[in-house]
Amino acid sequence: MKFNILYVDPPWAYKVYSKKGQGRSAENHYRTMNVEDIYGLDIQSIAADDCILFLWVTFPCLEQG
């Protein structure tokens, strides 16, 4: 099955700069993926040839997104 619209919210990993930030990091709440693994997701297998991708990206990951 191929989809015309994809809403994708990858489990981005974030760099933590202090011990205080570790308790609030994404990794503390769910499993994350590094950028290379996110890039390697097989989106083509579910995306129609002519589709729209809505990609959730927060500011720290804007360039990678």
N, C-alpha and C. Protein backbone atom coordinates (compact mmCIF):
# COMPACT_ATOMS: atom_id res chain seq x y z
N MET A 1 0.84 -1.17 0.00
CA MET A 1 0.00 0.00 0.00
C MET A 1 0.89 1.24 0.00
N LYS A 2 0.60 2.19 -0.89
CA LYS A 2 1.35 3.44 -0.99
C LYS A 2 0.46 4.59 -0.54
N PHE A 3 1.06 5.58 0.09
CA PHE A 3 0.31 6.70 0.64
C PHE A 3 0.63 8.00 -0.09
N ASN A 4 -0.38 8.84 -0.27
CA ASN A 4 -0.21 10.14 -0.94
C ASN A 4 0.24 11.23 0.01
N ILE A 5 -0.05 11.06 1.30
CA ILE A 5 0.35 12.03 2.32
C ILE A 5 1.03 11.27 3.45
N LEU A 6 2.21 11.74 3.84
CA LEU A 6 2.95 11.12 4.94
C LEU A 6 3.18 12.17 6.03
N TYR A 7 2.81 11.85 7.25
CA TYR A 7 3.13 12.66 8.42
C TYR A 7 4.19 11.90 9.19
N VAL A 8 5.41 12.42 9.22
CA VAL A 8 6.52 11.68 9.80
C VAL A 8 7.12 12.47 10.97
N ASP A 9 7.21 11.82 12.11
CA ASP A 9 7.80 12.41 13.31
C ASP A 9 8.91 11.48 13.78
N PRO A 10 10.10 11.60 13.19
CA PRO A 10 11.18 10.69 13.55
C PRO A 10 11.60 10.87 15.01
N PRO A 11 12.10 9.82 15.63
CA PRO A 11 12.57 9.92 17.01
C PRO A 11 13.99 10.50 17.07
N TRP A 12 14.10 11.80 16.80
CA TRP A 12 15.39 12.48 16.76
C TRP A 12 16.13 12.33 18.10
N ALA A 13 17.43 12.16 18.04
CA ALA A 13 18.28 12.18 19.24
C ALA A 13 18.83 13.60 19.38
N TYR A 14 18.91 14.06 20.60
CA TYR A 14 19.40 15.41 20.87
C TYR A 14 20.65 15.35 21.72
N LYS A 15 21.55 16.29 21.47
CA LYS A 15 22.77 16.39 22.25
C LYS A 15 22.44 17.06 23.59
N VAL A 16 22.88 16.45 24.67
CA VAL A 16 22.65 16.99 26.00
C VAL A 16 23.95 17.59 26.50
N TYR A 17 23.88 18.79 27.00
CA TYR A 17 25.10 19.51 27.39
C TYR A 17 25.38 19.49 28.89
N SER A 18 24.44 19.01 29.70
CA SER A 18 24.67 18.98 31.15
C SER A 18 23.92 17.81 31.77
N LYS A 19 24.28 17.49 33.00
CA LYS A 19 23.58 16.42 33.72
C LYS A 19 22.12 16.80 33.96
N LYS A 20 21.88 18.07 34.17
CA LYS A 20 20.51 18.54 34.39
C LYS A 20 19.64 18.24 33.15
N GLY A 21 20.20 18.39 31.98
CA GLY A 21 19.47 18.14 30.74
C GLY A 21 19.19 16.68 30.48
N GLN A 22 19.97 15.78 31.07
CA GLN A 22 19.78 14.35 30.84
C GLN A 22 18.40 13.88 31.30
N GLY A 23 17.92 14.42 32.38
CA GLY A 23 16.62 14.02 32.90
C GLY A 23 15.47 14.45 32.01
N ARG A 24 15.70 15.47 31.19
CA ARG A 24 14.65 15.97 30.29
C ARG A 24 14.87 15.55 28.85
N SER A 25 15.91 14.77 28.60
CA SER A 25 16.23 14.41 27.21
C SER A 25 15.21 13.43 26.64
N ALA A 26 15.12 13.41 25.34
CA ALA A 26 14.19 12.51 24.65
C ALA A 26 14.48 11.05 24.99
N GLU A 27 15.76 10.71 25.09
CA GLU A 27 16.16 9.33 25.38
C GLU A 27 15.62 8.85 26.72
N ASN A 28 15.32 9.77 27.60
CA ASN A 28 14.78 9.43 28.91
C ASN A 28 13.31 9.05 28.82
N HIS A 29 12.66 9.35 27.70
CA HIS A 29 11.23 9.11 27.55
C HIS A 29 10.89 8.08 26.47
N TYR A 30 11.74 7.92 25.45
CA TYR A 30 11.50 6.96 24.38
C TYR A 30 12.81 6.68 23.65
N ARG A 31 12.82 5.60 22.89
CA ARG A 31 14.02 5.26 22.12
C ARG A 31 14.17 6.24 20.97
N THR A 32 15.38 6.72 20.77
CA THR A 32 15.65 7.65 19.67
C THR A 32 16.52 6.96 18.62
N MET A 33 16.68 7.65 17.49
CA MET A 33 17.52 7.13 16.40
C MET A 33 18.54 8.19 16.02
N ASN A 34 19.73 7.75 15.62
CA ASN A 34 20.69 8.72 15.12
C ASN A 34 20.30 9.13 13.70
N VAL A 35 20.89 10.18 13.22
CA VAL A 35 20.51 10.76 11.92
C VAL A 35 20.70 9.76 10.79
N GLU A 36 21.78 8.99 10.81
CA GLU A 36 22.03 8.03 9.73
C GLU A 36 20.92 6.98 9.67
N ASP A 37 20.44 6.53 10.83
CA ASP A 37 19.36 5.54 10.84
C ASP A 37 18.04 6.15 10.36
N ILE A 38 17.80 7.40 10.70
CA ILE A 38 16.59 8.08 10.21
C ILE A 38 16.66 8.22 8.70
N TYR A 39 17.83 8.62 8.19
CA TYR A 39 18.00 8.72 6.74
C TYR A 39 17.79 7.37 6.06
N GLY A 40 18.10 6.29 6.76
CA GLY A 40 18.01 4.96 6.17
C GLY A 40 16.61 4.35 6.22
N LEU A 41 15.64 5.03 6.81
CA LEU A 41 14.28 4.49 6.85
C LEU A 41 13.75 4.31 5.43
N ASP A 42 13.05 3.22 5.20
CA ASP A 42 12.57 2.89 3.86
C ASP A 42 11.24 3.58 3.56
N ILE A 43 11.29 4.88 3.43
CA ILE A 43 10.09 5.68 3.15
C ILE A 43 9.56 5.38 1.74
N GLN A 44 10.45 5.10 0.81
CA GLN A 44 10.04 4.84 -0.57
C GLN A 44 9.07 3.67 -0.68
N SER A 45 9.15 2.73 0.23
CA SER A 45 8.28 1.56 0.14
C SER A 45 6.83 1.89 0.49
N ILE A 46 6.60 3.00 1.18
CA ILE A 46 5.22 3.37 1.55
C ILE A 46 4.75 4.66 0.89
N ALA A 47 5.66 5.37 0.21
CA ALA A 47 5.31 6.65 -0.42
C ALA A 47 4.89 6.46 -1.87
N ALA A 48 3.77 7.09 -2.25
CA ALA A 48 3.36 7.09 -3.65
C ALA A 48 4.37 7.89 -4.46
N ASP A 49 4.39 7.67 -5.76
CA ASP A 49 5.33 8.39 -6.62
C ASP A 49 5.16 9.90 -6.52
N ASP A 50 3.94 10.36 -6.37
CA ASP A 50 3.64 11.79 -6.27
C ASP A 50 2.96 12.02 -4.93
N CYS A 51 3.77 12.26 -3.88
CA CYS A 51 3.20 12.39 -2.54
C CYS A 51 3.72 13.64 -1.85
N ILE A 52 3.13 13.93 -0.71
CA ILE A 52 3.53 15.06 0.13
C ILE A 52 4.06 14.49 1.43
N LEU A 53 5.18 15.02 1.89
CA LEU A 53 5.76 14.61 3.16
C LEU A 53 5.74 15.78 4.12
N PHE A 54 5.09 15.59 5.25
CA PHE A 54 5.14 16.55 6.35
C PHE A 54 6.10 15.96 7.38
N LEU A 55 7.23 16.61 7.58
CA LEU A 55 8.29 16.09 8.45
C LEU A 55 8.40 16.97 9.69
N TRP A 56 8.22 16.36 10.87
CA TRP A 56 8.36 17.08 12.12
C TRP A 56 9.84 17.23 12.42
N VAL A 57 10.28 18.48 12.54
CA VAL A 57 11.67 18.77 12.86
C VAL A 57 11.69 19.91 13.85
N THR A 58 12.41 19.73 14.95
CA THR A 58 12.58 20.83 15.89
C THR A 58 13.86 21.58 15.55
N PHE A 59 14.01 22.76 16.08
CA PHE A 59 15.12 23.63 15.69
C PHE A 59 16.50 22.97 15.77
N PRO A 60 16.82 22.21 16.84
CA PRO A 60 18.16 21.62 16.89
C PRO A 60 18.46 20.65 15.73
N CYS A 61 17.43 20.11 15.10
CA CYS A 61 17.62 19.13 14.00
C CYS A 61 17.21 19.71 12.65
N LEU A 62 17.06 21.01 12.56
CA LEU A 62 16.54 21.64 11.35
C LEU A 62 17.40 21.34 10.12
N GLU A 63 18.70 21.45 10.24
CA GLU A 63 19.58 21.18 9.09
C GLU A 63 19.48 19.73 8.63
N GLN A 64 19.43 18.79 9.55
CA GLN A 64 19.34 17.38 9.19
C GLN A 64 18.00 17.07 8.54
N GLY A 65 16.95 17.73 9.02
CA GLY A 65 15.62 17.51 8.47
C GLY A 65 15.54 18.00 7.04
